[in-house]
PDB file of N, CA and C in Angstrom:
ATOM      1  N   MET A   1       1.084  -1.332  -0.323  1.00  0.00           N
ATOM      2  CA  MET A   1      -0.098  -0.185  -0.087  1.00  0.00           C
ATOM      3  C   MET A   1       0.899   1.236  -0.222  1.00  0.00           C
ATOM      4  N   THR A   2       0.157   2.149  -0.549  1.00  0.00           N
ATOM      5  CA  THR A   2       1.041   3.785  -0.452  1.00  0.00           C
ATOM      6  C   THR A   2       1.330   3.937   1.386  1.00  0.00           C
ATOM      7  N   ALA A   3       1.667   4.860   1.559  1.00  0.00           N
ATOM      8  CA  ALA A   3       1.828   5.513   2.933  1.00  0.00           C
ATOM      9  C   ALA A   3       0.631   5.702   3.175  1.00  0.00           C
ATOM     10  N   VAL A   4      -0.046   6.939   2.360  1.00  0.00           N
ATOM     11  CA  VAL A   4      -1.345   7.341   2.957  1.00  0.00           C
ATOM     12  C   VAL A   4      -2.207   6.086   3.210  1.00  0.00           C
ATOM     13  N   GLY A   5      -2.525   5.534   1.936  1.00  0.00           N
ATOM     14  CA  GLY A   5      -3.660   4.440   1.941  1.00  0.00           C
ATOM     15  C   GLY A   5      -3.405   3.368   3.300  1.00  0.00           C
ATOM     16  N   ASP A   6      -2.056   2.868   3.493  1.00  0.00           N
ATOM     17  CA  ASP A   6      -1.750   2.149   4.364  1.00  0.00           C
ATOM     18  C   ASP A   6      -2.161   2.775   5.804  1.00  0.00           C
ATOM     19  N   ALA A   7      -1.644   4.259   6.149  1.00  0.00           N
ATOM     20  CA  ALA A   7      -2.267   4.869   7.142  1.00  0.00           C
ATOM     21  C   ALA A   7      -3.856   4.771   7.421  1.00  0.00           C
ATOM     22  N   VAL A   8      -4.481   5.044   6.521  1.00  0.00           N
ATOM     23  CA  VAL A   8      -5.924   5.464   6.639  1.00  0.00           C
ATOM     24  C   VAL A   8      -6.480   3.743   6.575  1.00  0.00           C
ATOM     25  N   ALA A   9      -6.109   2.729   6.012  1.00  0.00           N
ATOM     26  CA  ALA A   9      -6.769   1.287   6.610  1.00  0.00           C
ATOM     27  C   ALA A   9      -6.178   0.914   7.759  1.00  0.00           C
ATOM     28  N   GLN A  10      -5.120   1.603   8.085  1.00  0.00           N
ATOM     29  CA  GLN A  10      -4.588   1.068   9.606  1.00  0.00           C
ATOM     30  C   GLN A  10      -5.613   1.625  10.476  1.00  0.00           C
ATOM     31  N   ALA A  11      -5.977   2.535  10.361  1.00  0.00           N
ATOM     32  CA  ALA A  11      -6.455   3.448  11.042  1.00  0.00           C
ATOM     33  C   ALA A  11      -8.177   3.090  11.229  1.00  0.00           C
ATOM     34  N   LEU A  12      -8.765   2.603  10.209  1.00  0.00           N
ATOM     35  CA  LEU A  12     -10.155   2.263  10.211  1.00  0.00           C
ATOM     36  C   LEU A  12      -9.693   0.882  10.634  1.00  0.00           C
ATOM     37  N   ALA A  13      -8.912   0.088  10.749  1.00  0.00           N
ATOM     38  CA  ALA A  13      -8.777  -1.227  11.167  1.00  0.00           C
ATOM     39  C   ALA A  13      -8.848  -1.139  12.922  1.00  0.00           C
ATOM     40  N   THR A  14      -8.416  -0.155  13.188  1.00  0.00           N
ATOM     41  CA  THR A  14      -7.917   0.112  14.647  1.00  0.00           C
ATOM     42  C   THR A  14      -9.624   0.515  15.216  1.00  0.00           C
ATOM     43  N   LEU A  15     -10.054   1.185  14.586  1.00  0.00           N
ATOM     44  CA  LEU A  15     -11.329   1.744  15.001  1.00  0.00           C
ATOM     45  C   LEU A  15     -12.352   0.665  15.110  1.00  0.00           C
ATOM     46  N   ALA A  16     -12.357   0.215  13.669  1.00  0.00           N
ATOM     47  CA  ALA A  16     -13.618  -0.908  13.755  1.00  0.00           C
ATOM     48  C   ALA A  16     -13.024  -2.142  14.586  1.00  0.00           C
ATOM     49  N   GLY A  17     -11.807  -2.467  14.745  1.00  0.00           N
ATOM     50  CA  GLY A  17     -11.405  -3.892  15.323  1.00  0.00           C
ATOM     51  C   GLY A  17     -11.541  -4.427  14.285  1.00  0.00           C
ATOM     52  N   ILE A  18     -11.197  -4.483  13.297  1.00  0.00           N
ATOM     53  CA  ILE A  18     -10.820  -5.640  12.167  1.00  0.00           C
ATOM     54  C   ILE A  18      -9.594  -5.519  11.907  1.00  0.00           C
ATOM     55  N   ASP A  19      -9.040  -6.202  10.972  1.00  0.00           N
ATOM     56  CA  ASP A  19      -7.723  -6.581  10.436  1.00  0.00           C
ATOM     57  C   ASP A  19      -7.587  -5.618   9.360  1.00  0.00           C
ATOM     58  N   VAL A  20      -6.285  -5.123   8.738  1.00  0.00           N
ATOM     59  CA  VAL A  20      -6.258  -3.794   8.005  1.00  0.00           C
ATOM     60  C   VAL A  20      -6.360  -4.406   6.330  1.00  0.00           C
ATOM     61  N   THR A  21      -6.645  -5.733   5.798  1.00  0.00           N
ATOM     62  CA  THR A  21      -6.903  -6.144   4.840  1.00  0.00           C
ATOM     63  C   THR A  21      -8.421  -6.271   4.478  1.00  0.00           C
ATOM     64  N   THR A  22      -9.302  -6.797   5.434  1.00  0.00           N
ATOM     65  CA  THR A  22     -10.483  -6.123   5.294  1.00  0.00           C
ATOM     66  C   THR A  22     -11.121  -4.512   5.156  1.00  0.00           C
ATOM     67  N   ALA A  23     -10.095  -3.835   6.004  1.00  0.00           N
ATOM     68  CA  ALA A  23     -10.412  -2.154   6.236  1.00  0.00           C
ATOM     69  C   ALA A  23      -9.783  -1.674   4.813  1.00  0.00           C
ATOM     70  N   GLY A  24      -9.023  -2.360   4.323  1.00  0.00           N
ATOM     71  CA  GLY A  24      -8.985  -1.943   2.748  1.00  0.00           C
ATOM     72  C   GLY A  24      -9.559  -2.301   1.629  1.00  0.00           C
ATOM     73  N   TYR A  25     -10.152  -3.438   1.821  1.00  0.00           N
ATOM     74  CA  TYR A  25     -11.236  -3.855   1.227  1.00  0.00           C
ATOM     75  C   TYR A  25     -12.743  -2.904   1.079  1.00  0.00           C
ATOM     76  N   ALA A  26     -13.046  -2.742   2.655  1.00  0.00           N
ATOM     77  CA  ALA A  26     -14.072  -1.863   2.936  1.00  0.00           C
ATOM     78  C   ALA A  26     -13.779  -0.242   2.177  1.00  0.00           C
ATOM     79  N   LEU A  27     -12.242  -0.051   2.706  1.00  0.00           N
ATOM     80  CA  LEU A  27     -12.287   1.691   2.026  1.00  0.00           C
ATOM     81  C   LEU A  27     -12.281   1.686   0.272  1.00  0.00           C
ATOM     82  N   GLY A  28     -11.604   0.440  -0.212  1.00  0.00           N
ATOM     83  CA  GLY A  28     -11.517   0.623  -1.545  1.00  0.00           C
ATOM     84  C   GLY A  28     -13.180   0.603  -2.090  1.00  0.00           C
ATOM     85  N   GLY A  29     -14.156  -0.513  -1.482  1.00  0.00           N
ATOM     86  CA  GLY A  29     -15.650   0.031  -1.846  1.00  0.00           C
ATOM     87  C   GLY A  29     -16.109   1.175  -1.822  1.00  0.00           C
ATOM     88  N   THR A  30     -15.853   1.680  -0.846  1.00  0.00           N
ATOM     89  CA  THR A  30     -16.387   2.921  -0.487  1.00  0.00           C
ATOM     90  C   THR A  30     -16.024   3.872  -1.727  1.00  0.00           C
ATOM     91  N   LEU A  31     -14.397   3.741  -1.913  1.00  0.00           N
ATOM     92  CA  LEU A  31     -13.984   4.980  -2.717  1.00  0.00           C
ATOM     93  C   LEU A  31     -14.997   4.519  -4.226  1.00  0.00           C
ATOM     94  N   VAL A  32     -14.924   3.223  -4.623  1.00  0.00           N
ATOM     95  CA  VAL A  32     -15.804   3.078  -5.820  1.00  0.00           C
ATOM     96  C   VAL A  32     -17.044   3.496  -5.750  1.00  0.00           C
ATOM     97  N   ILE A  33     -17.789   3.190  -5.038  1.00  0.00           N
ATOM     98  CA  ILE A  33     -19.178   3.767  -4.743  1.00  0.00           C
ATOM     99  C   ILE A  33     -19.307   5.374  -4.809  1.00  0.00           C
ATOM    100  N   ILE A  34     -18.261   5.991  -4.057  1.00  0.00           N
ATOM    101  CA  ILE A  34     -18.499   7.311  -3.956  1.00  0.00           C
ATOM    102  C   ILE A  34     -17.672   8.049  -5.259  1.00  0.00           C
ATOM    103  N   LEU A  35     -17.201   7.296  -5.903  1.00  0.00           N
ATOM    104  CA  LEU A  35     -16.682   7.677  -7.169  1.00  0.00           C
ATOM    105  C   LEU A  35     -18.106   7.702  -8.470  1.00  0.00           C
ATOM    106  N   PHE A  36     -18.408   6.630  -8.155  1.00  0.00           N
ATOM    107  CA  PHE A  36     -19.404   6.355  -9.170  1.00  0.00           C
ATOM    108  C   PHE A  36     -20.625   7.197  -9.055  1.00  0.00           C
ATOM    109  N   ALA A  37     -20.969   7.434  -7.944  1.00  0.00           N
ATOM    110  CA  ALA A  37     -21.963   8.804  -7.630  1.00  0.00           C
ATOM    111  C   ALA A  37     -22.098   9.937  -7.886  1.00  0.00           C
ATOM    112  N   VAL A  38     -20.548  10.235  -7.618  1.00  0.00           N
ATOM    113  CA  VAL A  38     -19.915  11.764  -8.246  1.00  0.00           C
ATOM    114  C   VAL A  38     -20.130  11.805  -9.724  1.00  0.00           C
ATOM    115  N   PHE A  39     -19.588  10.648 -10.092  1.00  0.00           N
ATOM    116  CA  PHE A  39     -19.554  10.994 -11.643  1.00  0.00           C
ATOM    117  C   PHE A  39     -20.842  11.126 -12.282  1.00  0.00           C
ATOM    118  N   VAL A  40     -21.733   9.815 -11.887  1.00  0.00           N
ATOM    119  CA  VAL A  40     -23.144   9.959 -12.240  1.00  0.00           C
ATOM    120  C   VAL A  40     -23.998  11.118 -12.261  1.00  0.00           C
ATOM    121  N   LEU A  41     -24.045  11.694 -10.889  1.00  0.00           N
ATOM    122  CA  LEU A  41     -24.454  12.979 -10.754  1.00  0.00           C
ATOM    123  C   LEU A  41     -24.144  14.198 -11.524  1.00  0.00           C
ATOM    124  N   ALA A  42     -22.805  14.210 -11.608  1.00  0.00           N
ATOM    125  CA  ALA A  42     -22.179  15.292 -12.465  1.00  0.00           C
ATOM    126  C   ALA A  42     -22.634  15.262 -13.672  1.00  0.00           C
ATOM    127  N   LEU A  43     -22.416  14.416 -14.255  1.00  0.00           N
ATOM    128  CA  LEU A  43     -22.273  14.123 -16.104  1.00  0.00           C
ATOM    129  C   LEU A  43     -23.738  13.950 -16.106  1.00  0.00           C
ATOM    130  N   GLY A  44     -24.583  13.318 -15.603  1.00  0.00           N
ATOM    131  CA  GLY A  44     -26.188  13.552 -15.478  1.00  0.00           C
ATOM    132  C   GLY A  44     -26.539  12.694 -16.789  1.00  0.00           C
ATOM    133  N   ASP A  45     -27.081  13.374 -17.658  1.00  0.00           N
ATOM    134  CA  ASP A  45     -27.685  12.760 -19.070  1.00  0.00           C
ATOM    135  C   ASP A  45     -26.668  12.475 -19.981  1.00  0.00           C
ATOM    136  N   TYR A  46     -25.605  12.791 -19.668  1.00  0.00           N
ATOM    137  CA  TYR A  46     -24.343  12.590 -20.843  1.00  0.00           C
ATOM    138  C   TYR A  46     -23.896  11.000 -20.605  1.00  0.00           C
ATOM    139  N   ILE A  47     -24.500  10.335 -19.327  1.00  0.00           N
ATOM    140  CA  ILE A  47     -23.792   9.010 -19.630  1.00  0.00           C
ATOM    141  C   ILE A  47     -25.037   8.165 -20.243  1.00  0.00           C
ATOM    142  N   GLU A  48     -24.238   7.285 -21.271  1.00  0.00           N
ATOM    143  CA  GLU A  48     -25.708   6.411 -21.964  1.00  0.00           C
ATOM    144  C   GLU A  48     -24.877   4.900 -22.094  1.00  0.00           C
ATOM    145  N   GLY A  49     -25.474   3.961 -21.943  1.00  0.00           N
ATOM    146  CA  GLY A  49     -25.193   2.965 -22.479  1.00  0.00           C
ATOM    147  C   GLY A  49     -23.932   2.301 -21.578  1.00  0.00           C
ATOM    148  N   GLN A  50     -22.874   1.995 -22.118  1.00  0.00           N
ATOM    149  CA  GLN A  50     -21.918   1.375 -21.928  1.00  0.00           C
ATOM    150  C   GLN A  50     -20.875   2.346 -20.817  1.00  0.00           C
ATOM    151  N   MET A  51     -20.676   3.727 -21.256  1.00  0.00           N
ATOM    152  CA  MET A  51     -20.351   4.609 -20.125  1.00  0.00           C
ATOM    153  C   MET A  51     -20.630   4.549 -18.782  1.00  0.00           C
ATOM    154  N   ILE A  52     -21.620   3.911 -18.523  1.00  0.00           N
ATOM    155  CA  ILE A  52     -22.067   3.702 -17.100  1.00  0.00           C
ATOM    156  C   ILE A  52     -20.982   3.015 -16.272  1.00  0.00           C
ATOM    157  N   LEU A  53     -20.052   2.170 -17.111  1.00  0.00           N
ATOM    158  CA  LEU A  53     -19.249   1.473 -16.629  1.00  0.00           C
ATOM    159  C   LEU A  53     -17.870   2.346 -16.247  1.00  0.00           C
ATOM    160  N   LEU A  54     -17.789   3.595 -16.633  1.00  0.00           N
ATOM    161  CA  LEU A  54     -16.674   4.197 -16.707  1.00  0.00           C
ATOM    162  C   LEU A  54     -16.040   5.014 -15.105  1.00  0.00           C
ATOM    163  N   PRO A  55     -17.075   5.170 -14.339  1.00  0.00           N
ATOM    164  CA  PRO A  55     -16.900   5.843 -13.328  1.00  0.00           C
ATOM    165  C   PRO A  55     -16.378   4.730 -12.281  1.00  0.00           C
ATOM    166  N   GLY A  56     -17.181   3.417 -12.358  1.00  0.00           N
ATOM    167  CA  GLY A  56     -16.578   2.193 -11.276  1.00  0.00           C
ATOM    168  C   GLY A  56     -14.984   1.454 -12.035  1.00  0.00           C
ATOM    169  N   VAL A  57     -14.953   1.892 -13.261  1.00  0.00           N
ATOM    170  CA  VAL A  57     -13.482   1.291 -13.446  1.00  0.00           C
ATOM    171  C   VAL A  57     -12.482   2.451 -12.989  1.00  0.00           C
ATOM    172  N   PHE A  58     -12.536   3.401 -12.912  1.00  0.00           N
ATOM    173  CA  PHE A  58     -11.862   4.795 -12.498  1.00  0.00           C
ATOM    174  C   PHE A  58     -11.551   4.366 -11.013  1.00  0.00           C
ATOM    175  N   GLY A  59     -12.695   4.043  -9.974  1.00  0.00           N
ATOM    176  CA  GLY A  59     -12.675   3.762  -8.701  1.00  0.00           C
ATOM    177  C   GLY A  59     -11.859   2.490  -8.503  1.00  0.00           C
ATOM    178  N   ILE A  60     -12.091   1.646  -9.213  1.00  0.00           N
ATOM    179  CA  ILE A  60     -11.159   0.272  -9.262  1.00  0.00           C
ATOM    180  C   ILE A  60      -9.742   0.243  -9.437  1.00  0.00           C
ATOM    181  N   ILE A  61      -9.627   1.231 -10.465  1.00  0.00           N
ATOM    182  CA  ILE A  61      -8.339   1.554 -10.620  1.00  0.00           C
ATOM    183  C   ILE A  61      -7.569   1.952  -9.770  1.00  0.00           C
ATOM    184  N   LEU A  62      -8.255   3.104  -9.198  1.00  0.00           N
ATOM    185  CA  LEU A  62      -7.430   4.060  -8.051  1.00  0.00           C
ATOM    186  C   LEU A  62      -7.656   3.217  -6.680  1.00  0.00           C
ATOM    187  N   ALA A  63      -8.379   2.157  -6.608  1.00  0.00           N
ATOM    188  CA  ALA A  63      -8.465   1.686  -5.093  1.00  0.00           C
ATOM    189  C   ALA A  63      -7.297   0.412  -5.148  1.00  0.00           C
ATOM    190  N   ILE A  64      -7.011   0.120  -6.436  1.00  0.00           N
ATOM    191  CA  ILE A  64      -5.705  -0.844  -6.770  1.00  0.00           C
ATOM    192  C   ILE A  64      -4.358  -0.018  -6.894  1.00  0.00           C
ATOM    193  N   LEU A  65      -4.437   1.244  -7.257  1.00  0.00           N
ATOM    194  CA  LEU A  65      -3.166   1.485  -7.334  1.00  0.00           C
ATOM    195  C   LEU A  65      -2.806   2.688  -5.630  1.00  0.00           C
ATOM    196  N   ILE A  66      -3.902   3.028  -5.005  1.00  0.00           N
ATOM    197  CA  ILE A  66      -3.510   3.499  -3.917  1.00  0.00           C
ATOM    198  C   ILE A  66      -3.323   1.957  -2.726  1.00  0.00           C
ATOM    199  N   GLY A  67      -3.518   0.854  -3.415  1.00  0.00           N
ATOM    200  CA  GLY A  67      -3.203  -0.232  -2.445  1.00  0.00           C
ATOM    201  C   GLY A  67      -4.230  -0.956  -1.908  1.00  0.00           C
ATOM    202  N   TRP A  68      -5.437  -0.756  -1.484  1.00  0.00           N
ATOM    203  CA  TRP A  68      -6.534  -1.170  -0.696  1.00  0.00           C
ATOM    204  C   TRP A  68      -6.945  -2.748  -1.297  1.00  0.00           C
ATOM    205  N   TRP A  69      -6.900  -2.551  -2.622  1.00  0.00           N
ATOM    206  CA  TRP A  69      -7.590  -4.231  -3.544  1.00  0.00           C
ATOM    207  C   TRP A  69      -5.999  -4.648  -4.120  1.00  0.00           C
ATOM    208  N   PRO A  70      -6.061  -6.101  -4.291  1.00  0.00           N
ATOM    209  CA  PRO A  70      -4.880  -6.368  -4.571  1.00  0.00           C
ATOM    210  C   PRO A  70      -5.456  -6.259  -6.452  1.00  0.00           C
ATOM    211  N   PRO A  71      -4.174  -6.694  -7.083  1.00  0.00           N
ATOM    212  CA  PRO A  71      -4.168  -6.565  -8.631  1.00  0.00           C
ATOM    213  C   PRO A  71      -5.099  -7.609  -9.401  1.00  0.00           C
ATOM    214  N   TRP A  72      -5.248  -8.924  -8.777  1.00  0.00           N
ATOM    215  CA  TRP A  72      -6.284  -9.600  -9.277  1.00  0.00           C
ATOM    216  C   TRP A  72      -7.764  -9.432  -8.982  1.00  0.00           C
ATOM    217  N   THR A  73      -7.947  -8.512  -8.117  1.00  0.00           N
ATOM    218  CA  THR A  73      -9.384  -7.816  -8.060  1.00  0.00           C
ATOM    219  C   THR A  73      -9.877  -7.472  -9.302  1.00  0.00           C
ATOM    220  N   ALA A  74      -9.213  -6.591 -10.333  1.00  0.00           N
ATOM    221  CA  ALA A  74      -9.694  -6.150 -11.289  1.00  0.00           C
ATOM    222  C   ALA A  74      -9.864  -7.361 -12.359  1.00  0.00           C
ATOM    223  N   ALA A  75      -9.051  -7.899 -12.420  1.00  0.00           N
ATOM    224  CA  ALA A  75      -9.312  -9.306 -13.241  1.00  0.00           C
ATOM    225  C   ALA A  75     -10.396 -10.034 -12.951  1.00  0.00           C
ATOM    226  N   PHE A  76     -10.700  -9.947 -11.902  1.00  0.00           N
ATOM    227  CA  PHE A  76     -11.878 -11.021 -11.523  1.00  0.00           C
ATOM    228  C   PHE A  76     -13.211  -9.983 -11.728  1.00  0.00           C
ATOM    229  N   ILE A  77     -13.195  -8.893 -11.383  1.00  0.00           N
ATOM    230  CA  ILE A  77     -14.240  -7.872 -11.766  1.00  0.00           C
ATOM    231  C   ILE A  77     -14.654  -7.980 -13.280  1.00  0.00           C
ATOM    232  N   VAL A  78     -13.532  -7.790 -14.063  1.00  0.00           N
ATOM    233  CA  VAL A  78     -13.252  -7.811 -15.628  1.00  0.00           C
ATOM    234  C   VAL A  78     -13.805  -9.072 -16.108  1.00  0.00           C
ATOM    235  N   ILE A  79     -13.844 -10.370 -15.667  1.00  0.00           N
ATOM    236  CA  ILE A  79     -14.233 -11.593 -15.882  1.00  0.00           C
ATOM    237  C   ILE A  79     -16.136 -11.685 -15.706  1.00  0.00           C
ATOM    238  N   VAL A  80     -16.322 -11.021 -14.604  1.00  0.00           N
ATOM    239  CA  VAL A  80     -17.687 -11.254 -13.894  1.00  0.00           C
ATOM    240  C   VAL A  80     -18.438 -10.146 -15.035  1.00  0.00           C
ATOM    241  N   LEU A  81     -17.778  -9.218 -15.152  1.00  0.00           N
ATOM    242  CA  LEU A  81     -18.365  -8.166 -16.220  1.00  0.00           C
ATOM    243  C   LEU A  81     -18.762  -8.668 -17.875  1.00  0.00           C
ATOM    244  N   LEU A  82     -17.769  -9.628 -18.151  1.00  0.00           N
ATOM    245  CA  LEU A  82     -17.842 -10.295 -19.558  1.00  0.00           C
ATOM    246  C   LEU A  82     -18.888 -11.139 -19.225  1.00  0.00           C
ATOM    247  N   PHE A  83     -18.771 -11.786 -18.369  1.00  0.00           N
ATOM    248  CA  PHE A  83     -19.959 -13.053 -18.304  1.00  0.00           C
ATOM    249  C   PHE A  83     -21.392 -12.688 -17.969  1.00  0.00           C
ATOM    250  N   MET A  84     -21.416 -11.281 -17.570  1.00  0.00           N
ATOM    251  CA  MET A  84     -22.616 -10.657 -17.514  1.00  0.00           C
ATOM    252  C   MET A  84     -22.988 -10.079 -18.996  1.00  0.00           C
ATOM    253  N   ALA A  85     -22.115  -9.794 -19.693  1.00  0.00           N
ATOM    254  CA  ALA A  85     -22.448  -8.990 -21.051  1.00  0.00           C
ATOM    255  C   ALA A  85     -22.885  -9.881 -21.582  1.00  0.00           C
ATOM    256  N   LEU A  86     -21.919 -11.420 -21.524  1.00  0.00           N
ATOM    257  CA  LEU A  86     -22.351 -12.556 -22.888  1.00  0.00           C
ATOM    258  C   LEU A  86     -23.488 -13.183 -22.813  1.00  0.00           C
ATOM    259  N   HIS A  87     -24.203 -13.003 -21.380  1.00  0.00           N
ATOM    260  CA  HIS A  87     -25.521 -13.914 -21.005  1.00  0.00           C
ATOM    261  C   HIS A  87     -25.372 -15.434 -21.409  1.00  0.00           C
ATOM    262  N   PRO A  88     -24.355 -15.913 -20.856  1.00  0.00           N
ATOM    263  CA  PRO A  88     -24.414 -17.138 -21.555  1.00  0.00           C
ATOM    264  C   PRO A  88     -25.354 -18.243 -21.175  1.00  0.00           C
ATOM    265  N   TYR A  89     -26.293 -17.754 -20.506  1.00  0.00           N
ATOM    266  CA  TYR A  89     -27.322 -18.753 -19.754  1.00  0.00           C
ATOM    267  C   TYR A  89     -28.862 -17.902 -20.341  1.00  0.00           C
ATOM    268  N   SER A  90     -28.732 -17.152 -20.996  1.00  0.00           N
ATOM    269  CA  SER A  90     -30.121 -16.854 -21.649  1.00  0.00           C
ATOM    270  C   SER A  90     -30.768 -17.456 -22.752  1.00  0.00           C
ATOM    271  N   GLY A  91     -31.872 -17.685 -22.995  1.00  0.00           N
ATOM    272  CA  GLY A  91     -32.018 -18.041 -24.246  1.00  0.00           C
ATOM    273  C   GLY A  91     -31.742 -19.711 -23.895  1.00  0.00           C
ATOM    274  N   GLY A  92     -31.654 -20.192 -25.477  1.00  0.00           N
ATOM    275  CA  GLY A  92     -31.202 -21.930 -25.286  1.00  0.00           C
ATOM    276  C   GLY A  92     -32.316 -22.419 -25.189  1.00  0.00           C
ATOM    277  N   ALA A  93     -32.001 -23.962 -25.239  1.00  0.00           N
ATOM    278  CA  ALA A  93     -33.133 -25.197 -25.487  1.00  0.00           C
ATOM    279  C   ALA A  93     -34.435 -24.950 -24.740  1.00  0.00           C
ATOM    280  N   SER A  94     -34.536 -24.383 -23.504  1.00  0.00           N
ATOM    281  CA  SER A  94     -35.261 -24.233 -22.870  1.00  0.00           C
ATOM    282  C   SER A  94     -36.261 -22.834 -22.933  1.00  0.00           C
ATOM    283  N   ALA A  95     -35.939 -21.794 -23.246  1.00  0.00           N
ATOM    284  CA  ALA A  95     -36.584 -20.984 -23.404  1.00  0.00           C
ATOM    285  C   ALA A  95     -37.597 -20.602 -24.884  1.00  0.00           C
TER     286      ALA A  95
END
């Protein structure tokens, strides 16, 4: 983690009585949600279609660069988003 990211995660861990890794995940998730809300509120009508993913991607990248989330988290999120976008179980023989 960066020096500031490590200090904030340690402070939250001490305050909440949890370990530093869990505090980092909580801080990263909070960062992603806040950045998403700020971008959506600021851009409003200009966000259409796939652009809605852009604020979340910025938050995820920032959480990884600060050190609150490990790099494999981004790969996992990409896999989940691709799985959701391809709809592998929609339609088929039973539909």
